Each structure stands twice: as C-alpha cells, then as structure tokens.
Protein backbone atom coordinates (compact mmCIF):
# COMPACT_ATOMS: atom_id res chain seq x y z
CA UNK A 1 27.23 31.68 -112.69
CA UNK A 2 26.92 27.94 -112.15
CA UNK A 3 28.67 26.26 -109.26
CA UNK A 4 32.10 24.89 -110.24
CA UNK A 5 32.32 21.19 -109.46
CA UNK A 6 35.20 19.62 -107.53
CA UNK A 7 36.82 16.46 -108.88
CA UNK A 8 37.90 13.35 -106.99
CA UNK A 9 41.49 14.48 -107.62
CA UNK A 10 40.76 17.64 -105.63
CA UNK A 11 39.48 15.54 -102.74
CA UNK A 12 42.52 13.26 -102.94
CA UNK A 13 44.84 16.27 -102.71
CA UNK A 14 43.10 17.49 -99.54
CA UNK A 15 43.34 14.03 -97.99
CA UNK A 16 47.04 13.87 -98.88
CA UNK A 17 47.73 17.25 -97.26
CA UNK A 18 45.95 16.29 -94.04
CA UNK A 19 47.81 12.97 -93.95
CA UNK A 20 51.12 14.80 -94.32
CA UNK A 21 50.22 17.09 -91.41
CA UNK A 22 49.35 14.07 -89.26
CA UNK A 23 52.68 12.41 -90.05
CA UNK A 24 54.70 15.58 -89.41
CA UNK A 25 53.29 15.93 -85.89
CA UNK A 26 53.57 12.22 -85.07
CA UNK A 27 56.63 12.64 -82.83
CA UNK A 28 55.16 15.65 -81.04
CA UNK A 29 51.64 14.30 -80.49
CA UNK A 30 51.24 10.65 -81.53
CA UNK A 31 47.79 10.40 -79.98
CA UNK A 32 46.58 13.37 -82.01
CA UNK A 33 47.93 11.82 -85.21
CA UNK A 34 45.86 8.71 -84.61
CA UNK A 35 42.76 10.78 -83.85
CA UNK A 36 43.25 12.79 -87.05
CA UNK A 37 43.41 9.67 -89.19
CA UNK A 38 40.42 8.07 -87.50
CA UNK A 39 38.37 11.27 -87.77
CA UNK A 40 39.26 11.68 -91.43
CA UNK A 41 38.26 8.11 -92.28
CA UNK A 42 35.02 8.49 -90.33
CA UNK A 43 34.25 11.75 -92.11
CA UNK A 44 34.85 10.20 -95.54
CA UNK A 45 32.66 7.20 -94.80
CA UNK A 46 29.90 9.14 -93.08
CA UNK A 47 29.63 11.87 -95.70
CA UNK A 48 29.74 9.36 -98.55
CA UNK A 49 26.94 7.37 -96.95
CA UNK A 50 24.81 10.43 -96.17
CA UNK A 51 25.28 11.59 -99.76
CA UNK A 52 23.79 8.34 -101.02
CA UNK A 53 21.01 8.48 -98.42
CA UNK A 54 20.05 12.06 -99.30
CA UNK A 55 20.02 11.27 -103.02
CA UNK A 56 17.62 8.42 -102.31
CA UNK A 57 15.49 10.50 -99.91
CA UNK A 58 15.08 13.33 -102.41
CA UNK A 59 13.41 10.90 -104.81
CA UNK A 60 11.42 9.07 -102.08
CA UNK A 61 9.99 11.78 -99.83
CA UNK A 62 8.35 9.78 -97.02
CA UNK A 63 7.85 11.03 -93.48
CA UNK A 64 8.65 7.68 -91.85
CA UNK A 65 12.04 7.43 -93.58
CA UNK A 66 12.96 11.02 -92.77
CA UNK A 67 12.00 10.69 -89.11
CA UNK A 68 13.98 7.46 -88.92
CA UNK A 69 17.08 9.20 -90.27
CA UNK A 70 16.51 12.11 -87.86
CA UNK A 71 16.25 9.76 -84.87
CA UNK A 72 19.46 8.02 -85.91
CA UNK A 73 21.23 11.40 -86.16
CA UNK A 74 20.02 12.45 -82.70
CA UNK A 75 21.10 9.17 -81.11
CA UNK A 76 24.51 9.44 -82.76
CA UNK A 77 24.85 13.04 -81.55
CA UNK A 78 23.95 12.01 -78.00
CA UNK A 79 26.65 9.36 -78.07
CA UNK A 80 29.19 11.75 -79.61
CA UNK A 81 28.53 14.35 -76.92
CA UNK A 82 29.85 11.85 -74.37
CA UNK A 83 32.60 10.25 -76.44
CA UNK A 84 35.52 12.31 -75.12
CA UNK A 85 34.43 13.11 -71.57
CA UNK A 86 36.82 12.83 -68.64
CA UNK A 87 34.20 10.99 -66.56
CA UNK A 88 31.30 8.73 -67.46
CA UNK A 89 28.39 7.55 -65.33
CA UNK A 90 28.48 4.12 -63.77
CA UNK A 91 25.01 3.68 -65.27
CA UNK A 92 23.82 4.67 -68.76
CA UNK A 93 22.56 8.08 -67.63
CA UNK A 94 25.42 9.85 -69.40
CA UNK A 95 24.08 8.93 -72.85
CA UNK A 96 20.42 9.60 -72.15
CA UNK A 97 20.89 13.00 -70.50
CA UNK A 98 22.72 14.30 -73.56
CA UNK A 99 20.39 12.59 -76.03
CA UNK A 100 17.21 13.94 -74.42
CA UNK A 101 18.72 17.42 -74.14
CA UNK A 102 19.70 17.42 -77.81
CA UNK A 103 16.33 16.01 -78.88
CA UNK A 104 14.31 18.69 -77.08
CA UNK A 105 16.59 21.58 -78.05
CA UNK A 106 17.13 20.76 -81.72
CA UNK A 107 13.71 19.44 -82.69
CA UNK A 108 11.94 22.46 -81.19
CA UNK A 109 14.14 24.87 -83.16
CA UNK A 110 13.91 22.72 -86.29
CA UNK A 111 10.10 22.69 -86.23
CA UNK A 112 10.07 26.46 -85.69
CA UNK A 113 12.32 26.92 -88.72
CA UNK A 114 10.34 24.55 -90.94
CA UNK A 115 6.80 25.50 -89.97
CA UNK A 116 7.10 29.22 -89.21
CA UNK A 117 9.86 30.43 -91.54
CA UNK A 118 10.47 28.14 -94.52
CA UNK A 119 6.96 26.64 -94.86
CA UNK A 120 8.03 24.12 -97.48
CA UNK A 121 5.57 21.63 -98.99
CA UNK A 122 5.68 19.10 -97.48
CA UNK A 123 7.12 20.55 -94.28
CA UNK A 124 9.37 17.52 -93.82
CA UNK A 125 11.04 17.73 -97.23
CA UNK A 126 14.57 16.31 -96.80
CA UNK A 127 16.12 19.21 -98.74
CA UNK A 128 15.47 21.38 -95.67
CA UNK A 129 14.79 18.92 -92.85
CA UNK A 130 18.05 16.93 -92.83
CA UNK A 131 20.59 19.76 -93.44
CA UNK A 132 18.96 22.05 -90.86
CA UNK A 133 18.78 19.27 -88.29
CA UNK A 134 22.44 18.49 -88.96
CA UNK A 135 23.51 22.08 -88.38
CA UNK A 136 21.50 22.38 -85.17
CA UNK A 137 22.78 19.07 -83.84
CA UNK A 138 26.39 19.66 -84.81
CA UNK A 139 26.56 22.95 -82.95
CA UNK A 140 24.33 22.04 -79.99
CA UNK A 141 26.26 18.89 -79.13
CA UNK A 142 29.37 21.04 -78.59
CA UNK A 143 27.54 23.07 -75.97
CA UNK A 144 26.03 19.99 -74.31
CA UNK A 145 29.43 18.28 -74.25
CA UNK A 146 31.21 21.31 -72.77
CA UNK A 147 28.54 21.78 -70.11
CA UNK A 148 28.64 18.17 -68.99
CA UNK A 149 32.44 18.06 -68.98
CA UNK A 150 32.67 21.12 -66.74
CA UNK A 151 29.99 19.82 -64.36
CA UNK A 152 31.55 16.40 -63.79
CA UNK A 153 35.18 17.51 -63.62
CA UNK A 154 34.58 20.52 -61.38
CA UNK A 155 32.31 18.53 -59.05
CA UNK A 156 35.38 16.51 -58.08
CA UNK A 157 37.54 19.60 -57.60
CA UNK A 158 34.83 21.46 -55.64
CA UNK A 159 33.67 18.53 -53.51
CA UNK A 160 34.42 20.28 -50.21
CA UNK A 161 32.65 23.46 -51.28
CA UNK A 162 29.53 21.56 -52.36
CA UNK A 163 29.40 19.42 -49.23
CA UNK A 164 30.00 22.53 -47.08
CA UNK A 165 26.92 24.17 -48.58
CA UNK A 166 24.90 20.98 -48.04
CA UNK A 167 25.93 21.00 -44.37
CA UNK A 168 24.66 24.58 -44.09
CA UNK A 169 21.20 23.51 -45.26
CA UNK A 170 21.39 24.03 -49.03
CA UNK A 171 19.68 21.51 -51.30
CA UNK A 172 21.32 19.97 -54.38
CA UNK A 173 20.02 22.72 -56.65
CA UNK A 174 21.35 25.52 -54.46
CA UNK A 175 24.69 23.78 -53.85
CA UNK A 176 25.36 23.49 -57.59
CA UNK A 177 24.42 27.02 -58.67
CA UNK A 178 28.04 28.01 -59.23
CA UNK A 179 28.69 24.81 -61.22
CA UNK A 180 25.67 25.23 -63.46
CA UNK A 181 26.32 28.94 -64.01
CA UNK A 182 29.89 28.41 -65.22
CA UNK A 183 28.94 25.32 -67.23
CA UNK A 184 26.28 27.33 -69.04
CA UNK A 185 28.81 30.07 -69.72
CA UNK A 186 31.29 27.58 -71.18
CA UNK A 187 28.61 25.95 -73.32
CA UNK A 188 27.49 29.24 -74.87
CA UNK A 189 30.94 30.60 -75.77
CA UNK A 190 31.15 28.83 -79.19
CA UNK A 191 27.69 30.06 -80.21
CA UNK A 192 28.44 33.60 -79.05
CA UNK A 193 31.77 33.59 -80.89
CA UNK A 194 30.09 32.36 -84.08
CA UNK A 195 27.56 35.19 -84.01
CA UNK A 196 30.12 37.83 -83.09
CA UNK A 197 32.53 36.76 -85.85
CA UNK A 198 29.95 36.28 -88.60
CA UNK A 199 30.35 38.67 -91.50
CA UNK A 200 33.58 40.33 -90.32
CA UNK A 201 35.96 37.51 -89.42
CA UNK A 202 34.22 34.58 -91.09
CA UNK A 203 31.53 33.77 -93.63
CA UNK A 204 29.47 30.98 -92.03
CA UNK A 205 29.15 27.65 -93.80
CA UNK A 206 25.46 27.78 -94.73
CA UNK A 207 25.76 31.24 -96.24
CA UNK A 208 28.95 30.33 -98.09
CA UNK A 209 27.40 27.18 -99.52
CA UNK A 210 24.34 29.03 -100.77
CA UNK A 211 26.44 31.76 -102.37
CA UNK A 212 28.66 29.16 -104.08
CA UNK A 213 25.49 27.50 -105.37
CA UNK A 214 24.36 30.78 -106.94
CA UNK A 215 21.84 32.02 -104.36
CA UNK A 216 21.31 35.77 -104.04
CA UNK A 217 23.69 36.93 -101.23
CA UNK A 218 20.97 38.92 -99.44
CA UNK A 219 18.77 35.81 -99.23
CA UNK A 220 21.72 33.69 -98.10
CA UNK A 221 22.45 36.23 -95.35
CA UNK A 222 18.87 36.05 -94.08
CA UNK A 223 19.03 32.27 -93.90
CA UNK A 224 22.34 32.46 -92.04
CA UNK A 225 21.07 35.00 -89.50
CA UNK A 226 18.07 32.82 -88.68
CA UNK A 227 20.09 29.62 -88.36
CA UNK A 228 22.77 31.26 -86.17
CA UNK A 229 20.11 32.57 -83.80
CA UNK A 230 18.32 29.20 -83.67
CA UNK A 231 21.66 27.44 -83.07
CA UNK A 232 22.35 29.76 -80.13
CA UNK A 233 18.88 29.07 -78.68
CA UNK A 234 19.24 25.31 -79.17
CA UNK A 235 22.69 25.34 -77.59
CA UNK A 236 21.47 27.33 -74.60
CA UNK A 237 18.38 25.16 -74.12
CA UNK A 238 20.31 21.91 -74.53
CA UNK A 239 23.02 22.94 -72.08
CA UNK A 240 20.43 24.11 -69.53
CA UNK A 241 18.76 20.70 -69.62
CA UNK A 242 22.14 18.98 -69.42
CA UNK A 243 23.39 20.97 -66.45
CA UNK A 244 20.14 20.47 -64.54
CA UNK A 245 19.94 16.70 -64.94
CA UNK A 246 23.69 16.21 -64.58
CA UNK A 247 23.58 18.06 -61.28
CA UNK A 248 20.57 16.02 -60.18
CA UNK A 249 22.33 12.74 -60.90
CA UNK A 250 25.26 13.79 -58.74
CA UNK A 251 23.02 13.57 -55.66
CA UNK A 252 20.87 10.83 -54.18
CA UNK A 253 17.40 11.17 -52.63
CA UNK A 254 18.95 12.11 -49.29
CA UNK A 255 20.74 15.11 -50.86
CA UNK A 256 24.18 13.49 -50.57
CA UNK A 257 26.88 14.18 -53.16
CA UNK A 258 27.55 10.88 -54.95
CA UNK A 259 30.78 11.19 -56.90
CA UNK A 260 30.99 7.41 -56.85
CA UNK A 261 28.41 7.47 -59.63
CA UNK A 262 31.16 8.77 -61.89
CA UNK A 263 34.13 6.81 -63.16
CA UNK A 264 37.08 7.76 -65.37
CA UNK A 265 36.09 7.30 -68.99
CA UNK A 266 37.97 4.95 -71.26
CA UNK A 267 39.22 6.47 -74.52
C-alpha cells in the first residue's frame, strides 16, 4: 500500500487548531501563548527550508555540502541547548561546552550507525546521514540542556555544602560529585522513558514513519531499536561531558567556587 499524501489544507487545519489552543490559554499563560506561536512559525520555516535543502542534496551528493549542513545543525543544537537556561556564563563557555558535548556524542554514534550497521554507498549519503544526525541531536540536546540546568541552578542552592567540602580538603571534582550524579540522572530520564515506553505506550517516530512509507514492520522495528539505543548512549555521553566541564568552569585554578561566572539569563 502506497503512502497516503497529506495536502496543504491538512497542514492548515493543524495550524488553525494549534492557534486556537494558544488563544484559549492566553489569559492563563500569556507567555506560553507567545512561545507557542514563535515555535510554530520557526518549525514551519525550518522544516520548509530543510525540505528544500534535502531535495537538493539528494540530487547533489557531495561530502563537503553534507558536512557543512551537519556542522550547521550541531552549532544550532549547541545554541538551542542553552536557549532557555536559568543562568548563562559571563563568558561564551556556555555555548561551547554544549556544542562540543553534542559534537562528540552524536558524531560518534552517527558514524557507528553509518559505517557498522547501515553501510550505505557512499557512507555519507544524505538519505541516512541527515535524518539520523537530526534524531541523535534532537534527543541528545535535551539531556545536555537538563544536565547543565541542574548543575548551574543547584550550585547556587548548594553553595554552602560545596564550600564546606572544599574547606575539608575536597577538590572541585570531589565537591561536585552529588551535583554531577543527579544531573546525569535528570539527563537520562527522557531516554530511559522513551525506551521503556516503546512498543507498549508509544510507537516511536522513526518506526512509525517507515511503516507509513510501506517498510516491512520487522525491519522498521530493528531500525528503531538501534536508534533508541544509540540515542541513549549519545545522551549519556553528551551529558557526562557537559557535567564535567560545567563543574570545572564553576571553579578557578585555586579550587574556589566562582558563582560570579554565572549570570541570570535573558529570555
């Protein structure tokens, strides 16, 4: 059975329904209404643009173009991971910690998927490269964002506890063990929930899309299992890197807690 196409009228109806929801909750949460509209417009523009880009890439398979798009996606993800934080760094460290963490975590899992499992020719074919990178980035940035948020907010609340441990001879790594442990836990919850709910509570997006496109369900399930596991690994690795370097930036060379390096973020 061929995939049934959706019309522009179908899209317009969905947009209308979301707009109605935003207007209904305007009095209760005006800030949320604004965020909904902005997010919807961004989604429409971004997906429309990426649709045109992918159409062009599929007919012009060149490594330089694909790597350029991938770098742009990673930089955008690094920025997005810090977009709604309670605190930001006085310097630009906040962007680069998240960006480097996402780069290492997602590209390592992406290359494993492409070279060891899919083995497409060429290995960088955009049909696999871009969608897989997008799924890894989209899920990993949630973990990185949650880990960083917990570290910076709780560091303020637990200032006395951290400084007490420093006074007893602990170094910055030892004094932040409890912060990094809970931050890692928070970061991994979405990935754990996704794996636990898959197949019983929800049918994940990649599997659903392949089934709608006519792929054999057993093959779609195998793809989904692999991508969910790789997402969990990327999320864990990215959040580990984030918690380590975030904790390090909270201290100077003399092992002093430097909360003055953080400032309330502007939203």
